[in-house]
Amino acid sequence: MPEAIKTDYEEAALVTENSSRAAAALQRLCVEKLCLHVLGRERGNLNEMIGELVARGLDENVRKMLDIVRVVGNGTVHAGTIDLADDRDTVGTLFALVNEIAEEAISKPKRIEAMYASLPDKARTAIDRRDTGKAGPAPSSPPHASDPNED
């Protein structure tokens, strides 16, 4: 989790005992900052950012997690919408959701990218050709059983 988001997350943990509402609002802020981080933006409307991520192919479960934190977090700052006065279970769920969102949006893609980058250049080039539909140069030798691109 990026440091600026981690700071808000830790603050939410510190205030949970005294104010579930404050903790939920901070969790919403964490989600907003996570979306900004993923989109590479300085600012934005959280609902619109989630929509943009959905348009980019965001996983449905991640979208649901984002919207849960967004709606509950919004409810904590609008009078009479959601009452979290003594609801530490909901705040605990928000903590778990923010962790899952960070895992899916930041940590997991970084791990996968590092693993993909460790593939041989020849294999990545062949994959890129396959996925872009460009024929590219013909292989210098026929594929055989040990060819990493054969399936």
N, C-alpha and C. Protein backbone atom coordinates (compact mmCIF):
# COMPACT_ATOMS: atom_id res chain seq x y z
N MET A 1 0.86 -1.18 0.00
CA MET A 1 0.00 0.00 0.00
C MET A 1 0.90 1.24 0.00
N PRO A 2 0.63 2.19 -0.88
CA PRO A 2 1.44 3.41 -0.88
C PRO A 2 1.42 4.10 0.49
N GLU A 3 2.53 4.72 0.84
CA GLU A 3 2.71 5.31 2.17
C GLU A 3 1.61 6.29 2.57
N ALA A 4 1.19 7.18 1.67
CA ALA A 4 0.16 8.16 2.00
C ALA A 4 -1.17 7.48 2.35
N ILE A 5 -1.45 6.38 1.69
CA ILE A 5 -2.68 5.63 1.97
C ILE A 5 -2.51 4.86 3.28
N LYS A 6 -1.36 4.29 3.46
CA LYS A 6 -1.08 3.53 4.68
C LYS A 6 -1.24 4.41 5.93
N THR A 7 -0.81 5.67 5.82
CA THR A 7 -0.93 6.60 6.95
C THR A 7 -2.40 6.79 7.33
N ASP A 8 -3.27 7.00 6.34
CA ASP A 8 -4.70 7.15 6.61
C ASP A 8 -5.30 5.87 7.17
N TYR A 9 -4.87 4.74 6.63
CA TYR A 9 -5.34 3.44 7.09
C TYR A 9 -4.99 3.23 8.56
N GLU A 10 -3.76 3.55 8.91
CA GLU A 10 -3.32 3.40 10.30
C GLU A 10 -4.04 4.37 11.23
N GLU A 11 -4.32 5.58 10.74
CA GLU A 11 -5.08 6.54 11.53
C GLU A 11 -6.49 6.01 11.78
N ALA A 12 -7.09 5.41 10.76
CA ALA A 12 -8.42 4.81 10.92
C ALA A 12 -8.40 3.74 12.02
N ALA A 13 -7.34 2.95 12.03
CA ALA A 13 -7.21 1.91 13.06
C ALA A 13 -7.11 2.53 14.46
N LEU A 14 -6.40 3.66 14.55
CA LEU A 14 -6.24 4.32 15.85
C LEU A 14 -7.54 4.93 16.38
N VAL A 15 -8.40 5.42 15.50
CA VAL A 15 -9.61 6.10 15.95
C VAL A 15 -10.83 5.19 16.03
N THR A 16 -10.71 3.96 15.58
CA THR A 16 -11.86 3.05 15.55
C THR A 16 -12.53 2.91 16.91
N GLU A 17 -11.75 2.74 17.94
CA GLU A 17 -12.30 2.55 19.29
C GLU A 17 -13.15 3.73 19.74
N ASN A 18 -12.72 4.94 19.40
CA ASN A 18 -13.44 6.15 19.83
C ASN A 18 -14.50 6.61 18.84
N SER A 19 -14.31 6.32 17.54
CA SER A 19 -15.26 6.81 16.54
C SER A 19 -15.29 5.91 15.32
N SER A 20 -16.29 5.04 15.29
CA SER A 20 -16.47 4.17 14.13
C SER A 20 -16.74 5.00 12.88
N ARG A 21 -17.46 6.10 13.04
CA ARG A 21 -17.77 6.97 11.90
C ARG A 21 -16.50 7.57 11.31
N ALA A 22 -15.61 8.05 12.16
CA ALA A 22 -14.35 8.62 11.68
C ALA A 22 -13.51 7.55 10.97
N ALA A 23 -13.49 6.36 11.54
CA ALA A 23 -12.72 5.26 10.93
C ALA A 23 -13.29 4.92 9.55
N ALA A 24 -14.61 4.86 9.43
CA ALA A 24 -15.24 4.55 8.14
C ALA A 24 -14.95 5.65 7.12
N ALA A 25 -15.00 6.90 7.55
CA ALA A 25 -14.71 8.01 6.63
C ALA A 25 -13.25 7.94 6.16
N LEU A 26 -12.34 7.59 7.05
CA LEU A 26 -10.93 7.45 6.66
C LEU A 26 -10.73 6.27 5.71
N GLN A 27 -11.50 5.20 5.90
CA GLN A 27 -11.41 4.06 5.00
C GLN A 27 -11.86 4.46 3.60
N ARG A 28 -12.91 5.28 3.53
CA ARG A 28 -13.39 5.79 2.24
C ARG A 28 -12.30 6.63 1.58
N LEU A 29 -11.62 7.44 2.38
CA LEU A 29 -10.52 8.25 1.86
C LEU A 29 -9.41 7.34 1.31
N CYS A 30 -9.14 6.25 2.00
CA CYS A 30 -8.13 5.30 1.52
C CYS A 30 -8.52 4.75 0.15
N VAL A 31 -9.78 4.39 -0.01
CA VAL A 31 -10.25 3.86 -1.30
C VAL A 31 -10.13 4.91 -2.39
N GLU A 32 -10.49 6.15 -2.05
CA GLU A 32 -10.36 7.23 -3.04
C GLU A 32 -8.90 7.39 -3.47
N LYS A 33 -7.99 7.37 -2.50
CA LYS A 33 -6.57 7.51 -2.82
C LYS A 33 -6.04 6.30 -3.62
N LEU A 34 -6.56 5.11 -3.31
CA LEU A 34 -6.17 3.93 -4.08
C LEU A 34 -6.60 4.08 -5.54
N CYS A 35 -7.81 4.55 -5.76
CA CYS A 35 -8.29 4.76 -7.13
C CYS A 35 -7.45 5.80 -7.84
N LEU A 36 -7.15 6.90 -7.15
CA LEU A 36 -6.30 7.94 -7.75
C LEU A 36 -4.94 7.36 -8.12
N HIS A 37 -4.39 6.55 -7.23
CA HIS A 37 -3.09 5.92 -7.48
C HIS A 37 -3.14 5.02 -8.71
N VAL A 38 -4.15 4.17 -8.80
CA VAL A 38 -4.27 3.23 -9.91
C VAL A 38 -4.48 3.99 -11.23
N LEU A 39 -5.29 5.06 -11.18
CA LEU A 39 -5.58 5.82 -12.39
C LEU A 39 -4.49 6.84 -12.72
N GLY A 40 -3.57 7.07 -11.79
CA GLY A 40 -2.50 8.03 -12.01
C GLY A 40 -3.00 9.47 -12.03
N ARG A 41 -3.94 9.76 -11.16
CA ARG A 41 -4.54 11.11 -11.10
C ARG A 41 -4.19 11.80 -9.80
N GLU A 42 -4.42 13.10 -9.80
CA GLU A 42 -4.24 13.93 -8.60
C GLU A 42 -5.55 14.06 -7.82
N ARG A 43 -6.68 14.09 -8.56
CA ARG A 43 -7.99 14.25 -7.92
C ARG A 43 -9.07 13.65 -8.80
N GLY A 44 -10.25 13.49 -8.21
CA GLY A 44 -11.37 12.96 -8.98
C GLY A 44 -12.52 12.58 -8.09
N ASN A 45 -13.68 12.40 -8.69
CA ASN A 45 -14.89 11.96 -8.01
C ASN A 45 -14.80 10.44 -7.88
N LEU A 46 -14.95 9.92 -6.67
CA LEU A 46 -14.76 8.49 -6.44
C LEU A 46 -15.71 7.65 -7.28
N ASN A 47 -16.98 8.00 -7.33
CA ASN A 47 -17.93 7.23 -8.10
C ASN A 47 -17.53 7.19 -9.58
N GLU A 48 -17.12 8.33 -10.12
CA GLU A 48 -16.69 8.38 -11.52
C GLU A 48 -15.41 7.59 -11.75
N MET A 49 -14.49 7.64 -10.77
CA MET A 49 -13.25 6.88 -10.92
C MET A 49 -13.53 5.38 -10.94
N ILE A 50 -14.45 4.94 -10.09
CA ILE A 50 -14.82 3.52 -10.09
C ILE A 50 -15.41 3.16 -11.45
N GLY A 51 -16.26 4.04 -11.99
CA GLY A 51 -16.83 3.81 -13.32
C GLY A 51 -15.75 3.70 -14.39
N GLU A 52 -14.74 4.54 -14.30
CA GLU A 52 -13.63 4.48 -15.27
C GLU A 52 -12.87 3.16 -15.14
N LEU A 53 -12.65 2.73 -13.90
CA LEU A 53 -11.96 1.46 -13.69
C LEU A 53 -12.79 0.30 -14.24
N VAL A 54 -14.11 0.37 -14.06
CA VAL A 54 -15.00 -0.67 -14.61
C VAL A 54 -14.87 -0.69 -16.13
N ALA A 55 -14.87 0.49 -16.75
CA ALA A 55 -14.73 0.58 -18.21
C ALA A 55 -13.39 0.01 -18.68
N ARG A 56 -12.39 0.03 -17.82
CA ARG A 56 -11.06 -0.52 -18.15
C ARG A 56 -10.99 -2.02 -17.87
N GLY A 57 -12.09 -2.61 -17.39
CA GLY A 57 -12.12 -4.05 -17.17
C GLY A 57 -11.95 -4.48 -15.73
N LEU A 58 -12.23 -3.59 -14.80
CA LEU A 58 -12.10 -3.92 -13.38
C LEU A 58 -12.93 -5.14 -13.03
N ASP A 59 -12.35 -6.03 -12.27
CA ASP A 59 -13.04 -7.23 -11.80
C ASP A 59 -14.31 -6.85 -11.03
N GLU A 60 -15.39 -7.57 -11.27
CA GLU A 60 -16.69 -7.28 -10.64
C GLU A 60 -16.62 -7.31 -9.11
N ASN A 61 -15.87 -8.24 -8.56
CA ASN A 61 -15.76 -8.32 -7.10
C ASN A 61 -15.03 -7.11 -6.52
N VAL A 62 -14.00 -6.64 -7.22
CA VAL A 62 -13.28 -5.45 -6.76
C VAL A 62 -14.21 -4.24 -6.85
N ARG A 63 -15.00 -4.16 -7.92
CA ARG A 63 -15.97 -3.07 -8.06
C ARG A 63 -16.94 -3.07 -6.89
N LYS A 64 -17.42 -4.23 -6.53
CA LYS A 64 -18.36 -4.32 -5.40
C LYS A 64 -17.70 -3.86 -4.10
N MET A 65 -16.45 -4.29 -3.89
CA MET A 65 -15.74 -3.87 -2.68
C MET A 65 -15.56 -2.36 -2.64
N LEU A 66 -15.16 -1.78 -3.78
CA LEU A 66 -14.99 -0.33 -3.85
C LEU A 66 -16.30 0.38 -3.53
N ASP A 67 -17.39 -0.09 -4.11
CA ASP A 67 -18.68 0.56 -3.88
C ASP A 67 -19.18 0.39 -2.45
N ILE A 68 -18.90 -0.73 -1.83
CA ILE A 68 -19.29 -0.91 -0.42
C ILE A 68 -18.61 0.14 0.44
N VAL A 69 -17.28 0.26 0.28
CA VAL A 69 -16.54 1.23 1.09
C VAL A 69 -16.98 2.65 0.74
N ARG A 70 -17.21 2.92 -0.54
CA ARG A 70 -17.64 4.26 -0.97
C ARG A 70 -18.99 4.62 -0.34
N VAL A 71 -19.97 3.72 -0.42
CA VAL A 71 -21.32 4.02 0.08
C VAL A 71 -21.32 4.13 1.60
N VAL A 72 -20.68 3.19 2.29
CA VAL A 72 -20.64 3.24 3.76
C VAL A 72 -19.86 4.46 4.22
N GLY A 73 -18.73 4.72 3.58
CA GLY A 73 -17.93 5.90 3.93
C GLY A 73 -18.68 7.19 3.69
N ASN A 74 -19.39 7.27 2.57
CA ASN A 74 -20.21 8.46 2.29
C ASN A 74 -21.27 8.63 3.37
N GLY A 75 -21.87 7.53 3.77
CA GLY A 75 -22.94 7.58 4.76
C GLY A 75 -22.49 8.09 6.11
N THR A 76 -21.22 7.97 6.40
CA THR A 76 -20.72 8.43 7.69
C THR A 76 -20.60 9.94 7.75
N VAL A 77 -20.53 10.59 6.59
CA VAL A 77 -20.36 12.04 6.59
C VAL A 77 -21.64 12.79 6.23
N HIS A 78 -22.70 12.07 5.88
CA HIS A 78 -23.99 12.68 5.58
C HIS A 78 -24.97 12.32 6.68
N ALA A 79 -25.47 13.31 7.38
CA ALA A 79 -26.34 13.09 8.53
C ALA A 79 -27.53 12.20 8.19
N GLY A 80 -27.77 11.23 9.06
CA GLY A 80 -28.94 10.39 8.96
C GLY A 80 -28.89 9.32 7.89
N THR A 81 -27.79 9.18 7.18
CA THR A 81 -27.73 8.20 6.10
C THR A 81 -27.36 6.82 6.63
N ILE A 82 -26.25 6.72 7.31
CA ILE A 82 -25.81 5.45 7.90
C ILE A 82 -25.32 5.75 9.30
N ASP A 83 -25.80 4.99 10.27
CA ASP A 83 -25.40 5.22 11.66
C ASP A 83 -24.41 4.15 12.08
N LEU A 84 -23.17 4.55 12.25
CA LEU A 84 -22.13 3.62 12.68
C LEU A 84 -21.65 3.92 14.09
N ALA A 85 -22.47 4.57 14.87
CA ALA A 85 -22.04 5.01 16.19
C ALA A 85 -21.33 3.92 16.99
N ASP A 86 -21.87 2.73 17.02
CA ASP A 86 -21.26 1.64 17.78
C ASP A 86 -21.07 0.40 16.92
N ASP A 87 -20.87 0.56 15.64
CA ASP A 87 -20.81 -0.57 14.73
C ASP A 87 -19.38 -0.90 14.33
N ARG A 88 -18.63 -1.48 15.24
CA ARG A 88 -17.24 -1.82 14.96
C ARG A 88 -17.12 -2.98 13.98
N ASP A 89 -18.15 -3.84 13.90
CA ASP A 89 -18.11 -4.94 12.93
C ASP A 89 -18.07 -4.41 11.50
N THR A 90 -18.89 -3.41 11.22
CA THR A 90 -18.89 -2.83 9.88
C THR A 90 -17.55 -2.19 9.58
N VAL A 91 -17.00 -1.48 10.53
CA VAL A 91 -15.68 -0.86 10.33
C VAL A 91 -14.62 -1.94 10.12
N GLY A 92 -14.71 -3.03 10.86
CA GLY A 92 -13.78 -4.15 10.65
C GLY A 92 -13.89 -4.70 9.24
N THR A 93 -15.11 -4.77 8.74
CA THR A 93 -15.32 -5.22 7.36
C THR A 93 -14.69 -4.25 6.38
N LEU A 94 -14.82 -2.95 6.66
CA LEU A 94 -14.20 -1.94 5.78
C LEU A 94 -12.68 -2.10 5.75
N PHE A 95 -12.07 -2.36 6.90
CA PHE A 95 -10.62 -2.59 6.94
C PHE A 95 -10.26 -3.78 6.04
N ALA A 96 -11.01 -4.87 6.17
CA ALA A 96 -10.74 -6.05 5.36
C ALA A 96 -10.91 -5.73 3.87
N LEU A 97 -11.95 -4.97 3.53
CA LEU A 97 -12.18 -4.61 2.13
C LEU A 97 -11.05 -3.75 1.57
N VAL A 98 -10.60 -2.76 2.34
CA VAL A 98 -9.51 -1.90 1.86
C VAL A 98 -8.26 -2.75 1.63
N ASN A 99 -8.00 -3.70 2.52
CA ASN A 99 -6.85 -4.61 2.32
C ASN A 99 -7.01 -5.41 1.03
N GLU A 100 -8.20 -5.95 0.80
CA GLU A 100 -8.46 -6.74 -0.42
C GLU A 100 -8.31 -5.88 -1.67
N ILE A 101 -8.84 -4.66 -1.61
CA ILE A 101 -8.76 -3.76 -2.77
C ILE A 101 -7.30 -3.44 -3.08
N ALA A 102 -6.51 -3.13 -2.05
CA ALA A 102 -5.09 -2.84 -2.25
C ALA A 102 -4.37 -4.06 -2.83
N GLU A 103 -4.71 -5.23 -2.34
CA GLU A 103 -4.12 -6.47 -2.84
C GLU A 103 -4.43 -6.65 -4.33
N GLU A 104 -5.70 -6.52 -4.69
CA GLU A 104 -6.12 -6.75 -6.07
C GLU A 104 -5.67 -5.64 -7.02
N ALA A 105 -5.67 -4.40 -6.55
CA ALA A 105 -5.38 -3.28 -7.44
C ALA A 105 -3.90 -2.93 -7.53
N ILE A 106 -3.12 -3.26 -6.50
CA ILE A 106 -1.72 -2.84 -6.48
C ILE A 106 -0.77 -4.03 -6.32
N SER A 107 -0.90 -4.76 -5.24
CA SER A 107 0.08 -5.82 -4.92
C SER A 107 0.07 -6.95 -5.94
N LYS A 108 -1.10 -7.49 -6.22
CA LYS A 108 -1.19 -8.63 -7.13
C LYS A 108 -0.70 -8.28 -8.54
N PRO A 109 -1.14 -7.14 -9.13
CA PRO A 109 -0.62 -6.79 -10.46
C PRO A 109 0.90 -6.63 -10.48
N LYS A 110 1.48 -6.07 -9.42
CA LYS A 110 2.94 -5.92 -9.37
C LYS A 110 3.64 -7.28 -9.35
N ARG A 111 3.09 -8.22 -8.56
CA ARG A 111 3.68 -9.56 -8.51
C ARG A 111 3.59 -10.25 -9.87
N ILE A 112 2.42 -10.15 -10.50
CA ILE A 112 2.22 -10.79 -11.80
C ILE A 112 3.14 -10.17 -12.85
N GLU A 113 3.26 -8.85 -12.85
CA GLU A 113 4.13 -8.16 -13.81
C GLU A 113 5.58 -8.59 -13.63
N ALA A 114 6.02 -8.74 -12.37
CA ALA A 114 7.40 -9.18 -12.12
C ALA A 114 7.61 -10.61 -12.63
N MET A 115 6.63 -11.48 -12.43
CA MET A 115 6.75 -12.86 -12.93
C MET A 115 6.77 -12.87 -14.46
N TYR A 116 5.90 -12.07 -15.07
CA TYR A 116 5.83 -12.00 -16.53
C TYR A 116 7.15 -11.45 -17.10
N ALA A 117 7.69 -10.43 -16.45
CA ALA A 117 8.95 -9.83 -16.90
C ALA A 117 10.10 -10.83 -16.82
N SER A 118 9.96 -11.85 -15.98
CA SER A 118 11.04 -12.83 -15.85
C SER A 118 11.01 -13.88 -16.96
N LEU A 119 9.94 -13.89 -17.78
CA LEU A 119 9.90 -14.81 -18.92
C LEU A 119 10.98 -14.41 -19.92
N PRO A 120 11.47 -15.37 -20.69
CA PRO A 120 12.47 -15.03 -21.72
C PRO A 120 11.89 -14.01 -22.71
N ASP A 121 12.75 -13.13 -23.21
CA ASP A 121 12.33 -12.10 -24.18
C ASP A 121 11.62 -12.73 -25.37
N LYS A 122 12.15 -13.84 -25.86
CA LYS A 122 11.57 -14.51 -27.03
C LYS A 122 10.12 -14.92 -26.76
N ALA A 123 9.86 -15.42 -25.58
CA ALA A 123 8.51 -15.85 -25.22
C ALA A 123 7.57 -14.65 -25.12
N ARG A 124 8.03 -13.56 -24.50
CA ARG A 124 7.18 -12.36 -24.38
C ARG A 124 6.89 -11.76 -25.75
N THR A 125 7.89 -11.77 -26.63
CA THR A 125 7.69 -11.24 -27.98
C THR A 125 6.65 -12.08 -28.72
N ALA A 126 6.73 -13.39 -28.60
CA ALA A 126 5.76 -14.27 -29.26
C ALA A 126 4.36 -14.05 -28.69
N ILE A 127 4.26 -13.85 -27.40
CA ILE A 127 2.97 -13.59 -26.77
C ILE A 127 2.40 -12.26 -27.28
N ASP A 128 3.25 -11.25 -27.35
CA ASP A 128 2.80 -9.94 -27.86
C ASP A 128 2.30 -10.06 -29.29
N ARG A 129 3.04 -10.82 -30.13
CA ARG A 129 2.61 -11.03 -31.52
C ARG A 129 1.26 -11.72 -31.55
N ARG A 130 1.11 -12.74 -30.74
CA ARG A 130 -0.16 -13.47 -30.68
C ARG A 130 -1.30 -12.54 -30.31
N ASP A 131 -1.09 -11.72 -29.30
CA ASP A 131 -2.17 -10.89 -28.77
C ASP A 131 -2.48 -9.66 -29.60
N THR A 132 -1.52 -9.19 -30.38
CA THR A 132 -1.77 -8.03 -31.23
C THR A 132 -2.19 -8.44 -32.62
N GLY A 133 -2.07 -9.71 -32.95
CA GLY A 133 -2.47 -10.20 -34.26
C GLY A 133 -1.47 -9.89 -35.35
N LYS A 134 -0.30 -9.41 -34.97
CA LYS A 134 0.74 -9.10 -35.96
C LYS A 134 1.60 -10.33 -36.16
N ALA A 135 1.80 -10.67 -37.40
CA ALA A 135 2.55 -11.89 -37.71
C ALA A 135 4.00 -11.79 -37.29
N GLY A 136 4.66 -10.70 -37.59
CA GLY A 136 6.06 -10.55 -37.23
C GLY A 136 6.93 -11.53 -37.99
N PRO A 137 8.21 -11.56 -37.67
CA PRO A 137 9.12 -12.46 -38.39
C PRO A 137 8.83 -13.92 -38.05
N ALA A 138 9.05 -14.78 -39.02
CA ALA A 138 8.84 -16.21 -38.80
C ALA A 138 9.94 -16.74 -37.89
N PRO A 139 9.61 -17.76 -37.09
CA PRO A 139 10.65 -18.34 -36.23
C PRO A 139 11.76 -18.95 -37.07
N SER A 140 13.00 -18.91 -36.54
CA SER A 140 14.15 -19.41 -37.28
C SER A 140 14.19 -20.93 -37.33
N SER A 141 13.50 -21.58 -36.43
CA SER A 141 13.45 -23.04 -36.44
C SER A 141 12.03 -23.47 -36.09
N PRO A 142 11.64 -24.66 -36.53
CA PRO A 142 10.27 -25.10 -36.22
C PRO A 142 10.10 -25.30 -34.72
N PRO A 143 8.88 -25.04 -34.21
CA PRO A 143 8.65 -25.26 -32.78
C PRO A 143 8.79 -26.73 -32.44
N HIS A 144 9.20 -26.99 -31.23
CA HIS A 144 9.32 -28.36 -30.75
C HIS A 144 8.76 -28.44 -29.35
N ALA A 145 8.76 -29.62 -28.79
CA ALA A 145 8.08 -29.87 -27.51
C ALA A 145 8.56 -28.96 -26.39
N SER A 146 9.80 -28.50 -26.43
CA SER A 146 10.29 -27.67 -25.33
C SER A 146 10.06 -26.18 -25.58
N ASP A 147 9.42 -25.82 -26.69
CA ASP A 147 9.16 -24.41 -27.01
C ASP A 147 8.16 -23.87 -25.99
N PRO A 148 8.51 -22.78 -25.26
CA PRO A 148 7.62 -22.25 -24.24
C PRO A 148 6.34 -21.64 -24.80
N ASN A 149 6.29 -21.45 -26.13
CA ASN A 149 5.10 -20.86 -26.74
C ASN A 149 4.13 -21.89 -27.27
N GLU A 150 4.52 -23.11 -27.28
CA GLU A 150 3.65 -24.18 -27.75
C GLU A 150 2.67 -24.55 -26.66
N ASP A 151 1.48 -24.85 -27.09
CA ASP A 151 0.46 -25.28 -26.12
C ASP A 151 -0.44 -26.29 -26.72
